[in-house]
Amino acid sequence: VDNLGNTGAEAIEATGNMGNFTADLGGAWQPESNAELNFTQSMGQLTLQVPSSVRLDANITNSQGGTTNRPNTDEETKDPKAPTLRLRMNTSMGEGRVVRY
């Protein structure tokens, strides 16, 4: 899935099973907008590609209650008017990754 920012959505929910799932959160997010994003993956890798032009509030967990791959906030914009993505990501029998670009 590519350029989810072009949808203008305030909320996105996606669930995957058996296999790898990759979503690119790039696109035209509106300044000062907020979006709630929920991704769940079972039996496979979940990779979210997040542009550094958005601010990210991430809660990344696996089914055992542990956290995985915390995104580096040093790569994030410091613009207070940048869009904010509130990400909830949960994996079961697989890995969750956030890649900033």
N, C-alpha and C. Protein backbone atom coordinates (compact mmCIF):
# COMPACT_ATOMS: atom_id res chain seq x y z
N VAL A 1 0.86 -1.16 0.00
CA VAL A 1 0.00 0.00 0.00
C VAL A 1 0.91 1.23 0.00
N ASP A 2 0.66 2.16 -0.91
CA ASP A 2 1.54 3.33 -1.05
C ASP A 2 0.80 4.64 -0.82
N ASN A 3 1.51 5.62 -0.29
CA ASN A 3 1.06 7.00 -0.16
C ASN A 3 -0.29 7.15 0.53
N LEU A 4 -0.43 6.57 1.71
CA LEU A 4 -1.69 6.67 2.45
C LEU A 4 -2.01 8.11 2.85
N GLY A 5 -1.02 8.98 2.88
CA GLY A 5 -1.28 10.39 3.19
C GLY A 5 -2.15 11.07 2.17
N ASN A 6 -2.20 10.56 0.95
CA ASN A 6 -3.04 11.16 -0.08
C ASN A 6 -4.53 10.92 0.15
N THR A 7 -4.88 10.02 1.04
CA THR A 7 -6.29 9.73 1.28
C THR A 7 -6.98 10.83 2.07
N GLY A 8 -6.24 11.61 2.85
CA GLY A 8 -6.83 12.63 3.69
C GLY A 8 -7.60 12.04 4.87
N ALA A 9 -7.32 10.81 5.19
CA ALA A 9 -8.06 10.11 6.24
C ALA A 9 -7.69 10.62 7.63
N GLU A 10 -8.67 10.60 8.52
CA GLU A 10 -8.43 10.90 9.92
C GLU A 10 -8.16 9.63 10.70
N ALA A 11 -8.54 8.48 10.13
CA ALA A 11 -8.32 7.19 10.77
C ALA A 11 -8.12 6.12 9.70
N ILE A 12 -7.16 5.23 9.95
CA ILE A 12 -6.90 4.09 9.07
C ILE A 12 -6.71 2.87 9.95
N GLU A 13 -7.37 1.77 9.57
CA GLU A 13 -7.19 0.52 10.29
C GLU A 13 -6.95 -0.58 9.26
N ALA A 14 -5.89 -1.36 9.48
CA ALA A 14 -5.55 -2.44 8.56
C ALA A 14 -5.10 -3.66 9.34
N THR A 15 -5.52 -4.83 8.85
CA THR A 15 -5.16 -6.09 9.47
C THR A 15 -4.64 -7.04 8.39
N GLY A 16 -3.53 -7.71 8.68
CA GLY A 16 -2.97 -8.68 7.75
C GLY A 16 -2.72 -10.01 8.42
N ASN A 17 -2.76 -11.06 7.62
CA ASN A 17 -2.52 -12.42 8.12
C ASN A 17 -1.61 -13.17 7.15
N MET A 18 -0.71 -13.96 7.70
CA MET A 18 0.14 -14.87 6.94
C MET A 18 0.82 -14.21 5.73
N GLY A 19 1.98 -13.69 5.98
CA GLY A 19 2.77 -13.06 4.93
C GLY A 19 3.27 -11.72 5.41
N ASN A 20 3.97 -11.03 4.55
CA ASN A 20 4.53 -9.73 4.90
C ASN A 20 3.62 -8.63 4.38
N PHE A 21 3.51 -7.57 5.17
CA PHE A 21 2.67 -6.43 4.82
C PHE A 21 3.52 -5.17 4.94
N THR A 22 3.54 -4.36 3.89
CA THR A 22 4.28 -3.10 3.90
C THR A 22 3.34 -1.97 3.51
N ALA A 23 3.36 -0.90 4.29
CA ALA A 23 2.55 0.28 3.99
C ALA A 23 3.43 1.52 4.02
N ASP A 24 3.29 2.36 3.01
CA ASP A 24 4.01 3.62 2.92
C ASP A 24 3.05 4.73 3.36
N LEU A 25 3.41 5.43 4.42
CA LEU A 25 2.56 6.49 4.96
C LEU A 25 2.89 7.85 4.38
N GLY A 26 3.59 7.87 3.26
CA GLY A 26 3.90 9.12 2.58
C GLY A 26 2.67 9.71 1.92
N GLY A 27 2.85 10.82 1.26
CA GLY A 27 1.75 11.48 0.57
C GLY A 27 1.50 12.86 1.14
N ALA A 28 0.37 13.42 0.77
CA ALA A 28 0.05 14.81 1.08
C ALA A 28 -0.75 14.95 2.37
N TRP A 29 -0.13 14.65 3.50
CA TRP A 29 -0.78 14.90 4.78
C TRP A 29 -0.93 16.41 4.94
N GLN A 30 -2.07 16.87 5.40
CA GLN A 30 -2.33 18.30 5.54
C GLN A 30 -1.63 18.84 6.78
N PRO A 31 -1.08 20.07 6.70
CA PRO A 31 -0.44 20.67 7.87
C PRO A 31 -1.41 20.72 9.06
N GLU A 32 -0.87 20.49 10.24
CA GLU A 32 -1.60 20.52 11.51
C GLU A 32 -2.68 19.44 11.62
N SER A 33 -2.73 18.49 10.70
CA SER A 33 -3.74 17.42 10.79
C SER A 33 -3.27 16.34 11.76
N ASN A 34 -4.23 15.55 12.22
CA ASN A 34 -3.98 14.41 13.10
C ASN A 34 -4.67 13.20 12.51
N ALA A 35 -4.00 12.06 12.58
CA ALA A 35 -4.61 10.83 12.08
C ALA A 35 -4.31 9.70 13.04
N GLU A 36 -5.30 8.85 13.26
CA GLU A 36 -5.17 7.65 14.09
C GLU A 36 -4.95 6.47 13.15
N LEU A 37 -3.84 5.76 13.32
CA LEU A 37 -3.50 4.63 12.46
C LEU A 37 -3.33 3.38 13.30
N ASN A 38 -4.06 2.33 12.95
CA ASN A 38 -3.97 1.05 13.66
C ASN A 38 -3.63 -0.04 12.67
N PHE A 39 -2.51 -0.72 12.89
CA PHE A 39 -2.08 -1.82 12.04
C PHE A 39 -1.85 -3.05 12.90
N THR A 40 -2.40 -4.19 12.46
CA THR A 40 -2.23 -5.46 13.15
C THR A 40 -1.79 -6.50 12.13
N GLN A 41 -0.78 -7.29 12.48
CA GLN A 41 -0.27 -8.33 11.57
C GLN A 41 -0.07 -9.62 12.36
N SER A 42 -0.55 -10.72 11.80
CA SER A 42 -0.37 -12.03 12.40
C SER A 42 0.40 -12.92 11.43
N MET A 43 1.42 -13.58 11.93
CA MET A 43 2.23 -14.52 11.15
C MET A 43 2.89 -13.87 9.93
N GLY A 44 3.74 -12.91 10.19
CA GLY A 44 4.49 -12.28 9.12
C GLY A 44 5.03 -10.94 9.59
N GLN A 45 5.82 -10.32 8.75
CA GLN A 45 6.44 -9.04 9.09
C GLN A 45 5.55 -7.89 8.67
N LEU A 46 5.45 -6.89 9.53
CA LEU A 46 4.73 -5.66 9.25
C LEU A 46 5.75 -4.53 9.19
N THR A 47 5.83 -3.86 8.05
CA THR A 47 6.76 -2.75 7.88
C THR A 47 5.98 -1.50 7.50
N LEU A 48 6.18 -0.43 8.25
CA LEU A 48 5.56 0.85 7.94
C LEU A 48 6.66 1.84 7.60
N GLN A 49 6.54 2.45 6.44
CA GLN A 49 7.49 3.45 5.98
C GLN A 49 6.88 4.82 6.23
N VAL A 50 7.57 5.62 7.05
CA VAL A 50 7.01 6.89 7.53
C VAL A 50 7.94 8.03 7.13
N PRO A 51 7.42 9.04 6.42
CA PRO A 51 8.28 10.16 6.04
C PRO A 51 8.70 10.98 7.26
N SER A 52 9.88 11.57 7.19
CA SER A 52 10.37 12.40 8.30
C SER A 52 9.65 13.74 8.37
N SER A 53 8.80 14.05 7.39
CA SER A 53 8.07 15.32 7.36
C SER A 53 6.82 15.29 8.23
N VAL A 54 6.53 14.14 8.87
CA VAL A 54 5.40 14.05 9.79
C VAL A 54 5.92 13.72 11.18
N ARG A 55 5.14 14.11 12.19
CA ARG A 55 5.47 13.76 13.57
C ARG A 55 4.79 12.44 13.88
N LEU A 56 5.45 11.60 14.65
CA LEU A 56 4.95 10.26 14.90
C LEU A 56 4.85 9.99 16.40
N ASP A 57 3.66 9.62 16.83
CA ASP A 57 3.42 9.16 18.20
C ASP A 57 3.15 7.66 18.07
N ALA A 58 4.14 6.84 18.38
CA ALA A 58 4.05 5.41 18.08
C ALA A 58 3.95 4.54 19.32
N ASN A 59 3.07 3.56 19.25
CA ASN A 59 2.95 2.52 20.27
C ASN A 59 3.07 1.20 19.50
N ILE A 60 4.22 0.56 19.61
CA ILE A 60 4.53 -0.64 18.82
C ILE A 60 4.72 -1.81 19.78
N THR A 61 3.86 -2.82 19.66
CA THR A 61 3.93 -3.96 20.57
C THR A 61 3.82 -5.27 19.79
N ASN A 62 4.21 -6.35 20.46
CA ASN A 62 3.98 -7.68 19.90
C ASN A 62 3.04 -8.42 20.84
N SER A 63 2.60 -9.60 20.44
CA SER A 63 1.59 -10.33 21.20
C SER A 63 2.08 -10.75 22.59
N GLN A 64 3.40 -10.75 22.80
CA GLN A 64 3.95 -11.09 24.11
C GLN A 64 4.02 -9.87 25.02
N GLY A 65 3.56 -8.73 24.54
CA GLY A 65 3.55 -7.52 25.35
C GLY A 65 4.81 -6.70 25.25
N GLY A 66 5.79 -7.17 24.50
CA GLY A 66 7.04 -6.43 24.34
C GLY A 66 6.94 -5.35 23.28
N THR A 67 7.89 -4.43 23.31
CA THR A 67 7.95 -3.40 22.29
C THR A 67 9.06 -3.75 21.31
N THR A 68 8.89 -3.30 20.09
CA THR A 68 9.88 -3.59 19.05
C THR A 68 10.20 -2.31 18.28
N ASN A 69 11.36 -2.24 17.71
CA ASN A 69 11.79 -1.19 16.79
C ASN A 69 11.18 0.18 17.06
N ARG A 70 11.62 0.84 18.10
CA ARG A 70 11.14 2.19 18.36
C ARG A 70 11.73 3.14 17.34
N PRO A 71 10.89 3.91 16.65
CA PRO A 71 11.41 4.83 15.64
C PRO A 71 12.29 5.92 16.26
N ASN A 72 13.29 6.32 15.54
CA ASN A 72 14.22 7.35 15.98
C ASN A 72 13.58 8.72 15.77
N THR A 73 13.33 9.45 16.85
CA THR A 73 12.70 10.76 16.73
C THR A 73 13.68 11.83 16.23
N ASP A 74 14.98 11.54 16.20
CA ASP A 74 15.95 12.50 15.67
C ASP A 74 15.72 12.75 14.18
N GLU A 75 15.13 11.79 13.49
CA GLU A 75 14.89 11.91 12.05
C GLU A 75 13.57 12.62 11.75
N GLU A 76 12.87 13.05 12.77
CA GLU A 76 11.53 13.62 12.62
C GLU A 76 11.60 15.14 12.51
N THR A 77 10.67 15.72 11.76
CA THR A 77 10.59 17.17 11.65
C THR A 77 10.35 17.81 13.00
N LYS A 78 10.84 19.00 13.18
CA LYS A 78 10.60 19.76 14.41
C LYS A 78 9.54 20.84 14.17
N ASP A 79 8.95 20.86 13.00
CA ASP A 79 7.92 21.84 12.64
C ASP A 79 6.66 21.60 13.47
N PRO A 80 6.24 22.56 14.31
CA PRO A 80 5.06 22.34 15.16
C PRO A 80 3.76 22.24 14.36
N LYS A 81 3.78 22.69 13.11
CA LYS A 81 2.58 22.60 12.27
C LYS A 81 2.55 21.33 11.42
N ALA A 82 3.56 20.50 11.57
CA ALA A 82 3.60 19.26 10.79
C ALA A 82 2.45 18.34 11.20
N PRO A 83 1.95 17.53 10.28
CA PRO A 83 0.91 16.58 10.64
C PRO A 83 1.42 15.60 11.70
N THR A 84 0.51 15.10 12.54
CA THR A 84 0.86 14.14 13.57
C THR A 84 0.12 12.83 13.29
N LEU A 85 0.87 11.74 13.25
CA LEU A 85 0.29 10.41 13.06
C LEU A 85 0.39 9.67 14.39
N ARG A 86 -0.74 9.23 14.90
CA ARG A 86 -0.78 8.43 16.13
C ARG A 86 -0.88 6.98 15.71
N LEU A 87 0.22 6.28 15.81
CA LEU A 87 0.35 4.93 15.29
C LEU A 87 0.24 3.89 16.40
N ARG A 88 -0.63 2.94 16.22
CA ARG A 88 -0.73 1.76 17.08
C ARG A 88 -0.45 0.56 16.19
N MET A 89 0.58 -0.19 16.53
CA MET A 89 1.04 -1.29 15.69
C MET A 89 1.23 -2.52 16.57
N ASN A 90 0.59 -3.64 16.19
CA ASN A 90 0.68 -4.85 16.98
C ASN A 90 0.96 -6.03 16.06
N THR A 91 1.94 -6.86 16.44
CA THR A 91 2.28 -8.04 15.65
C THR A 91 2.17 -9.29 16.52
N SER A 92 1.87 -10.40 15.86
CA SER A 92 1.80 -11.70 16.51
C SER A 92 2.52 -12.69 15.61
N MET A 93 3.48 -13.40 16.16
CA MET A 93 4.30 -14.35 15.40
C MET A 93 4.94 -13.69 14.18
N GLY A 94 5.53 -12.57 14.41
CA GLY A 94 6.22 -11.83 13.36
C GLY A 94 6.84 -10.58 13.94
N GLU A 95 7.46 -9.79 13.10
CA GLU A 95 8.17 -8.59 13.52
C GLU A 95 7.46 -7.35 12.99
N GLY A 96 7.47 -6.29 13.80
CA GLY A 96 6.97 -4.99 13.37
C GLY A 96 8.12 -4.01 13.26
N ARG A 97 8.17 -3.28 12.15
CA ARG A 97 9.27 -2.32 11.94
C ARG A 97 8.70 -0.99 11.43
N VAL A 98 9.31 0.10 11.89
CA VAL A 98 9.02 1.42 11.35
C VAL A 98 10.30 1.93 10.73
N VAL A 99 10.22 2.34 9.48
CA VAL A 99 11.37 2.85 8.74
C VAL A 99 11.08 4.30 8.39
N ARG A 100 11.92 5.23 8.86
CA ARG A 100 11.76 6.64 8.52
C ARG A 100 12.55 6.96 7.26
N TYR A 101 12.01 7.83 6.43
CA TYR A 101 12.71 8.27 5.21
C TYR A 101 12.49 9.73 4.97
